[in-house]
PDB file of N, CA and C in Angstrom:
ATOM      1  N   UNK A   1       0.746  -1.370   0.584  1.00  0.00           N
ATOM      2  CA  UNK A   1      -0.018   0.245  -0.150  1.00  0.00           C
ATOM      3  C   UNK A   1       0.845   0.992   0.148  1.00  0.00           C
ATOM      4  N   UNK A   2       0.374   2.125  -0.793  1.00  0.00           N
ATOM      5  CA  UNK A   2       1.462   3.034  -1.114  1.00  0.00           C
ATOM      6  C   UNK A   2       1.590   4.329   0.673  1.00  0.00           C
ATOM      7  N   UNK A   3       1.894   5.031   0.565  1.00  0.00           N
ATOM      8  CA  UNK A   3       2.481   6.374   1.578  1.00  0.00           C
ATOM      9  C   UNK A   3       1.405   6.939   1.536  1.00  0.00           C
ATOM     10  N   UNK A   4       0.765   8.071   2.366  1.00  0.00           N
ATOM     11  CA  UNK A   4       0.137   9.017   2.586  1.00  0.00           C
ATOM     12  C   UNK A   4       0.471  10.348   1.761  1.00  0.00           C
ATOM     13  N   UNK A   5       0.534  11.106   1.016  1.00  0.00           N
ATOM     14  CA  UNK A   5       0.363  12.125  -0.221  1.00  0.00           C
ATOM     15  C   UNK A   5      -0.188  12.636  -0.012  1.00  0.00           C
ATOM     16  N   UNK A   6       0.078  14.077  -0.217  1.00  0.00           N
ATOM     17  CA  UNK A   6      -1.006  15.856   0.001  1.00  0.00           C
ATOM     18  C   UNK A   6      -0.540  15.884   0.919  1.00  0.00           C
ATOM     19  N   UNK A   7       0.089  16.089   1.643  1.00  0.00           N
ATOM     20  CA  UNK A   7      -0.360  16.455   2.356  1.00  0.00           C
ATOM     21  C   UNK A   7       0.349  17.680   3.288  1.00  0.00           C
ATOM     22  N   UNK A   8       0.125  18.413   3.742  1.00  0.00           N
ATOM     23  CA  UNK A   8       1.483  20.423   3.484  1.00  0.00           C
ATOM     24  C   UNK A   8       0.741  21.017   4.861  1.00  0.00           C
ATOM     25  N   UNK A   9       1.911  21.313   5.742  1.00  0.00           N
ATOM     26  CA  UNK A   9       1.764  22.343   7.012  1.00  0.00           C
ATOM     27  C   UNK A   9       2.260  23.434   7.270  1.00  0.00           C
ATOM     28  N   UNK A  10       1.720  23.963   7.768  1.00  0.00           N
ATOM     29  CA  UNK A  10       1.915  25.848   7.654  1.00  0.00           C
ATOM     30  C   UNK A  10       2.002  26.637   9.291  1.00  0.00           C
ATOM     31  N   UNK A  11       3.165  26.986   9.317  1.00  0.00           N
ATOM     32  CA  UNK A  11       3.516  27.645  11.490  1.00  0.00           C
ATOM     33  C   UNK A  11       2.772  28.668  11.343  1.00  0.00           C
ATOM     34  N   UNK A  12       1.649  29.110  11.950  1.00  0.00           N
ATOM     35  CA  UNK A  12       1.072  30.256  12.083  1.00  0.00           C
ATOM     36  C   UNK A  12       1.414  30.758  13.905  1.00  0.00           C
ATOM     37  N   UNK A  13       2.362  31.792  13.890  1.00  0.00           N
ATOM     38  CA  UNK A  13       2.588  31.975  15.393  1.00  0.00           C
ATOM     39  C   UNK A  13       2.531  30.751  16.001  1.00  0.00           C
ATOM     40  N   UNK A  14       1.545  30.298  17.170  1.00  0.00           N
ATOM     41  CA  UNK A  14       1.813  29.393  17.925  1.00  0.00           C
ATOM     42  C   UNK A  14       0.744  27.827  17.172  1.00  0.00           C
ATOM     43  N   UNK A  15       0.080  28.168  16.606  1.00  0.00           N
ATOM     44  CA  UNK A  15      -0.234  27.031  15.295  1.00  0.00           C
ATOM     45  C   UNK A  15       0.197  27.126  13.969  1.00  0.00           C
ATOM     46  N   UNK A  16      -0.404  25.408  14.287  1.00  0.00           N
ATOM     47  CA  UNK A  16      -0.105  25.012  12.491  1.00  0.00           C
ATOM     48  C   UNK A  16      -1.464  23.870  11.786  1.00  0.00           C
ATOM     49  N   UNK A  17      -1.219  24.881  11.256  1.00  0.00           N
ATOM     50  CA  UNK A  17      -2.204  24.936  10.029  1.00  0.00           C
ATOM     51  C   UNK A  17      -1.908  23.232   9.020  1.00  0.00           C
ATOM     52  N   UNK A  18      -2.494  22.188   9.311  1.00  0.00           N
ATOM     53  CA  UNK A  18      -2.277  21.491   8.523  1.00  0.00           C
ATOM     54  C   UNK A  18      -4.007  21.014   7.152  1.00  0.00           C
ATOM     55  N   UNK A  19      -2.823  20.740   5.752  1.00  0.00           N
ATOM     56  CA  UNK A  19      -3.419  20.968   4.645  1.00  0.00           C
ATOM     57  C   UNK A  19      -3.441  19.419   3.582  1.00  0.00           C
ATOM     58  N   UNK A  20      -4.680  18.993   3.387  1.00  0.00           N
ATOM     59  CA  UNK A  20      -4.605  18.092   2.532  1.00  0.00           C
ATOM     60  C   UNK A  20      -5.436  18.603   1.074  1.00  0.00           C
ATOM     61  N   UNK A  21      -4.339  18.004   0.310  1.00  0.00           N
ATOM     62  CA  UNK A  21      -4.900  18.549  -1.472  1.00  0.00           C
ATOM     63  C   UNK A  21      -5.726  20.112  -1.314  1.00  0.00           C
ATOM     64  N   UNK A  22      -4.793  20.786  -0.385  1.00  0.00           N
ATOM     65  CA  UNK A  22      -5.221  22.255   0.163  1.00  0.00           C
ATOM     66  C   UNK A  22      -6.093  22.611   0.753  1.00  0.00           C
ATOM     67  N   UNK A  23      -7.165  22.526   1.076  1.00  0.00           N
ATOM     68  CA  UNK A  23      -8.438  21.775   2.051  1.00  0.00           C
ATOM     69  C   UNK A  23      -7.682  22.358   3.704  1.00  0.00           C
ATOM     70  N   UNK A  24      -7.802  22.652   4.270  1.00  0.00           N
ATOM     71  CA  UNK A  24      -7.617  23.054   5.258  1.00  0.00           C
ATOM     72  C   UNK A  24      -8.446  21.428   6.839  1.00  0.00           C
ATOM     73  N   UNK A  25      -7.477  20.948   6.873  1.00  0.00           N
ATOM     74  CA  UNK A  25      -7.702  19.397   7.997  1.00  0.00           C
ATOM     75  C   UNK A  25      -8.049  19.642   9.374  1.00  0.00           C
ATOM     76  N   UNK A  26      -6.528  20.295   9.860  1.00  0.00           N
ATOM     77  CA  UNK A  26      -6.680  20.125  11.398  1.00  0.00           C
ATOM     78  C   UNK A  26      -6.113  21.555  11.439  1.00  0.00           C
ATOM     79  N   UNK A  27      -6.431  21.562  12.508  1.00  0.00           N
ATOM     80  CA  UNK A  27      -5.831  23.159  13.256  1.00  0.00           C
ATOM     81  C   UNK A  27      -5.226  22.102  15.058  1.00  0.00           C
ATOM     82  N   UNK A  28      -3.326  23.331  15.177  1.00  0.00           N
ATOM     83  CA  UNK A  28      -2.956  22.294  16.087  1.00  0.00           C
ATOM     84  C   UNK A  28      -2.430  23.810  16.999  1.00  0.00           C
ATOM     85  N   UNK A  29      -2.613  23.132  18.026  1.00  0.00           N
ATOM     86  CA  UNK A  29      -2.906  24.428  19.009  1.00  0.00           C
ATOM     87  C   UNK A  29      -1.827  24.325  20.604  1.00  0.00           C
ATOM     88  N   UNK A  30      -1.047  25.196  20.510  1.00  0.00           N
ATOM     89  CA  UNK A  30      -0.352  24.359  22.219  1.00  0.00           C
ATOM     90  C   UNK A  30       1.124  23.450  22.308  1.00  0.00           C
ATOM     91  N   UNK A  31       0.381  23.027  23.134  1.00  0.00           N
ATOM     92  CA  UNK A  31       1.056  21.798  23.608  1.00  0.00           C
ATOM     93  C   UNK A  31       1.160  20.771  21.984  1.00  0.00           C
ATOM     94  N   UNK A  32      -0.554  20.584  21.534  1.00  0.00           N
ATOM     95  CA  UNK A  32      -0.174  19.276  20.309  1.00  0.00           C
ATOM     96  C   UNK A  32       0.962  19.941  18.919  1.00  0.00           C
ATOM     97  N   UNK A  33       0.836  21.343  18.864  1.00  0.00           N
ATOM     98  CA  UNK A  33       1.606  21.909  17.605  1.00  0.00           C
ATOM     99  C   UNK A  33       2.782  21.937  18.150  1.00  0.00           C
ATOM    100  N   UNK A  34       3.426  22.039  19.255  1.00  0.00           N
ATOM    101  CA  UNK A  34       4.123  21.826  19.691  1.00  0.00           C
ATOM    102  C   UNK A  34       5.414  20.326  19.734  1.00  0.00           C
ATOM    103  N   UNK A  35       4.293  19.487  19.648  1.00  0.00           N
ATOM    104  CA  UNK A  35       4.495  17.779  19.333  1.00  0.00           C
ATOM    105  C   UNK A  35       4.832  17.729  18.358  1.00  0.00           C
ATOM    106  N   UNK A  36       4.573  18.502  17.767  1.00  0.00           N
ATOM    107  CA  UNK A  36       3.885  17.885  15.879  1.00  0.00           C
ATOM    108  C   UNK A  36       4.960  18.529  15.783  1.00  0.00           C
ATOM    109  N   UNK A  37       5.469  19.624  15.792  1.00  0.00           N
ATOM    110  CA  UNK A  37       6.309  20.440  15.220  1.00  0.00           C
ATOM    111  C   UNK A  37       8.159  19.414  15.740  1.00  0.00           C
ATOM    112  N   UNK A  38       7.897  19.035  17.141  1.00  0.00           N
ATOM    113  CA  UNK A  38       9.423  17.946  17.348  1.00  0.00           C
ATOM    114  C   UNK A  38       9.238  17.147  17.102  1.00  0.00           C
ATOM    115  N   UNK A  39       8.142  16.314  16.333  1.00  0.00           N
ATOM    116  CA  UNK A  39       8.033  14.893  15.597  1.00  0.00           C
ATOM    117  C   UNK A  39       8.122  15.107  13.864  1.00  0.00           C
ATOM    118  N   UNK A  40       7.564  16.235  13.869  1.00  0.00           N
ATOM    119  CA  UNK A  40       7.892  15.817  12.153  1.00  0.00           C
ATOM    120  C   UNK A  40       9.668  16.282  11.553  1.00  0.00           C
ATOM    121  N   UNK A  41      10.089  16.689  12.204  1.00  0.00           N
ATOM    122  CA  UNK A  41      11.949  16.868  11.988  1.00  0.00           C
ATOM    123  C   UNK A  41      12.314  15.179  12.515  1.00  0.00           C
ATOM    124  N   UNK A  42      11.932  14.181  13.365  1.00  0.00           N
ATOM    125  CA  UNK A  42      12.610  13.437  13.139  1.00  0.00           C
ATOM    126  C   UNK A  42      11.737  11.707  11.723  1.00  0.00           C
ATOM    127  N   UNK A  43      10.105  12.404  11.720  1.00  0.00           N
ATOM    128  CA  UNK A  43       9.831  11.079  11.260  1.00  0.00           C
ATOM    129  C   UNK A  43       9.276  12.173   9.896  1.00  0.00           C
ATOM    130  N   UNK A  44       9.289  10.764   9.313  1.00  0.00           N
ATOM    131  CA  UNK A  44       8.360  11.096   7.468  1.00  0.00           C
ATOM    132  C   UNK A  44       6.664  11.817   8.206  1.00  0.00           C
ATOM    133  N   UNK A  45       6.796  13.439   7.063  1.00  0.00           N
ATOM    134  CA  UNK A  45       5.749  14.183   7.464  1.00  0.00           C
ATOM    135  C   UNK A  45       4.372  13.592   7.132  1.00  0.00           C
ATOM    136  N   UNK A  46       4.688  13.076   5.833  1.00  0.00           N
ATOM    137  CA  UNK A  46       3.505  12.183   5.617  1.00  0.00           C
ATOM    138  C   UNK A  46       2.491  12.005   6.231  1.00  0.00           C
ATOM    139  N   UNK A  47       2.994  11.291   6.613  1.00  0.00           N
ATOM    140  CA  UNK A  47       2.842   9.812   7.566  1.00  0.00           C
ATOM    141  C   UNK A  47       2.133  10.397   8.767  1.00  0.00           C
ATOM    142  N   UNK A  48       2.997  11.771   9.165  1.00  0.00           N
ATOM    143  CA  UNK A  48       2.602  11.904  10.577  1.00  0.00           C
ATOM    144  C   UNK A  48       1.697  13.190  10.737  1.00  0.00           C
ATOM    145  N   UNK A  49       1.014  13.352   9.043  1.00  0.00           N
ATOM    146  CA  UNK A  49       0.289  13.948   8.961  1.00  0.00           C
ATOM    147  C   UNK A  49      -0.740  13.565   8.567  1.00  0.00           C
ATOM    148  N   UNK A  50      -0.798  12.525   8.282  1.00  0.00           N
ATOM    149  CA  UNK A  50      -1.839  11.608   7.733  1.00  0.00           C
ATOM    150  C   UNK A  50      -2.189  10.930   9.297  1.00  0.00           C
ATOM    151  N   UNK A  51      -1.266  10.605  10.228  1.00  0.00           N
ATOM    152  CA  UNK A  51      -1.076  10.381  12.069  1.00  0.00           C
ATOM    153  C   UNK A  51      -2.679  11.510  12.864  1.00  0.00           C
ATOM    154  N   UNK A  52      -2.069  12.408  12.675  1.00  0.00           N
ATOM    155  CA  UNK A  52      -2.808  13.695  13.274  1.00  0.00           C
ATOM    156  C   UNK A  52      -4.487  13.798  12.573  1.00  0.00           C
ATOM    157  N   UNK A  53      -4.397  13.885  11.381  1.00  0.00           N
ATOM    158  CA  UNK A  53      -5.429  14.074  11.230  1.00  0.00           C
ATOM    159  C   UNK A  53      -6.545  13.188  10.715  1.00  0.00           C
ATOM    160  N   UNK A  54      -5.952  11.799  11.674  1.00  0.00           N
ATOM    161  CA  UNK A  54      -6.715  10.795  11.267  1.00  0.00           C
ATOM    162  C   UNK A  54      -6.996  10.524   9.681  1.00  0.00           C
ATOM    163  N   UNK A  55      -6.788  10.810   8.861  1.00  0.00           N
ATOM    164  CA  UNK A  55      -6.609  10.538   7.448  1.00  0.00           C
ATOM    165  C   UNK A  55      -5.933   9.918   7.056  1.00  0.00           C
ATOM    166  N   UNK A  56      -5.673   8.193   7.439  1.00  0.00           N
ATOM    167  CA  UNK A  56      -4.791   7.337   6.931  1.00  0.00           C
ATOM    168  C   UNK A  56      -5.893   5.194   6.968  1.00  0.00           C
ATOM    169  N   UNK A  57      -5.333   5.061   6.357  1.00  0.00           N
ATOM    170  CA  UNK A  57      -6.146   3.634   6.146  1.00  0.00           C
ATOM    171  C   UNK A  57      -5.526   2.673   7.121  1.00  0.00           C
ATOM    172  N   UNK A  58      -6.403   1.570   8.207  1.00  0.00           N
ATOM    173  CA  UNK A  58      -5.425   1.270   8.648  1.00  0.00           C
ATOM    174  C   UNK A  58      -5.220  -0.316   8.166  1.00  0.00           C
ATOM    175  N   UNK A  59      -6.405  -0.330   7.022  1.00  0.00           N
ATOM    176  CA  UNK A  59      -5.448  -1.972   6.242  1.00  0.00           C
ATOM    177  C   UNK A  59      -7.120  -2.965   6.232  1.00  0.00           C
ATOM    178  N   UNK A  60      -7.852  -2.816   7.340  1.00  0.00           N
ATOM    179  CA  UNK A  60      -8.940  -3.536   7.807  1.00  0.00           C
ATOM    180  C   UNK A  60     -10.350  -2.731   7.344  1.00  0.00           C
ATOM    181  N   UNK A  61     -10.281  -2.028   5.863  1.00  0.00           N
ATOM    182  CA  UNK A  61     -11.420  -1.830   6.202  1.00  0.00           C
ATOM    183  C   UNK A  61     -12.683  -2.793   4.854  1.00  0.00           C
ATOM    184  N   UNK A  62     -11.457  -3.476   4.401  1.00  0.00           N
ATOM    185  CA  UNK A  62     -12.581  -4.809   3.880  1.00  0.00           C
ATOM    186  C   UNK A  62     -13.454  -5.903   5.151  1.00  0.00           C
ATOM    187  N   UNK A  63     -12.542  -6.050   5.472  1.00  0.00           N
ATOM    188  CA  UNK A  63     -13.373  -6.844   7.265  1.00  0.00           C
ATOM    189  C   UNK A  63     -14.224  -6.136   7.523  1.00  0.00           C
ATOM    190  N   UNK A  64     -13.991  -4.894   8.082  1.00  0.00           N
ATOM    191  CA  UNK A  64     -14.502  -4.707   9.021  1.00  0.00           C
ATOM    192  C   UNK A  64     -16.131  -4.509   8.105  1.00  0.00           C
ATOM    193  N   UNK A  65     -16.110  -4.208   6.035  1.00  0.00           N
ATOM    194  CA  UNK A  65     -16.970  -3.928   5.369  1.00  0.00           C
ATOM    195  C   UNK A  65     -18.158  -5.054   5.071  1.00  0.00           C
ATOM    196  N   UNK A  66     -17.558  -6.185   5.958  1.00  0.00           N
ATOM    197  CA  UNK A  66     -17.825  -7.496   5.404  1.00  0.00           C
ATOM    198  C   UNK A  66     -18.596  -8.509   6.843  1.00  0.00           C
ATOM    199  N   UNK A  67     -18.513  -7.930   8.205  1.00  0.00           N
ATOM    200  CA  UNK A  67     -18.771  -7.971   9.546  1.00  0.00           C
ATOM    201  C   UNK A  67     -20.300  -7.929   9.620  1.00  0.00           C
ATOM    202  N   UNK A  68     -20.514  -9.143  10.078  1.00  0.00           N
ATOM    203  CA  UNK A  68     -21.565  -8.738  10.369  1.00  0.00           C
ATOM    204  C   UNK A  68     -22.799  -8.052  11.112  1.00  0.00           C
ATOM    205  N   UNK A  69     -22.167  -7.340  11.736  1.00  0.00           N
ATOM    206  CA  UNK A  69     -22.709  -6.235  12.725  1.00  0.00           C
ATOM    207  C   UNK A  69     -23.003  -4.786  11.400  1.00  0.00           C
ATOM    208  N   UNK A  70     -22.156  -4.601  10.551  1.00  0.00           N
ATOM    209  CA  UNK A  70     -21.822  -3.436   9.215  1.00  0.00           C
ATOM    210  C   UNK A  70     -23.062  -4.440   8.312  1.00  0.00           C
ATOM    211  N   UNK A  71     -23.606  -5.543   8.192  1.00  0.00           N
ATOM    212  CA  UNK A  71     -24.859  -5.320   7.090  1.00  0.00           C
ATOM    213  C   UNK A  71     -25.439  -4.994   7.247  1.00  0.00           C
ATOM    214  N   UNK A  72     -26.174  -4.348   5.902  1.00  0.00           N
ATOM    215  CA  UNK A  72     -27.159  -3.205   5.709  1.00  0.00           C
ATOM    216  C   UNK A  72     -26.803  -1.719   5.774  1.00  0.00           C
ATOM    217  N   UNK A  73     -25.264  -1.858   6.000  1.00  0.00           N
ATOM    218  CA  UNK A  73     -24.618  -0.132   5.753  1.00  0.00           C
ATOM    219  C   UNK A  73     -24.460   0.038   4.363  1.00  0.00           C
TER     220      UNK A  73
END
C-alpha cells in the first residue's frame, strides 16, 4: 500500500495548520503543535500528518465492511 500523500503544513504563530490537497484538515495549538513540530523533524512528514488528521487507512476496511454488525450499511 502506498504511503500517504498530499499533506502540507504551515506554522502561523503558535498554531500549525495542516491541509490535505489544499483544503484545511486540522489546526494544532499549544502543546499539540509543539509536539508535532518536534516529531516532524524525526519522522516521515506525510505519515505523521496523516496520523494527526486521522486520514489514513488501517488495512481492515474490507474486513469491517463484511462483518455481520455492518450488514445493511
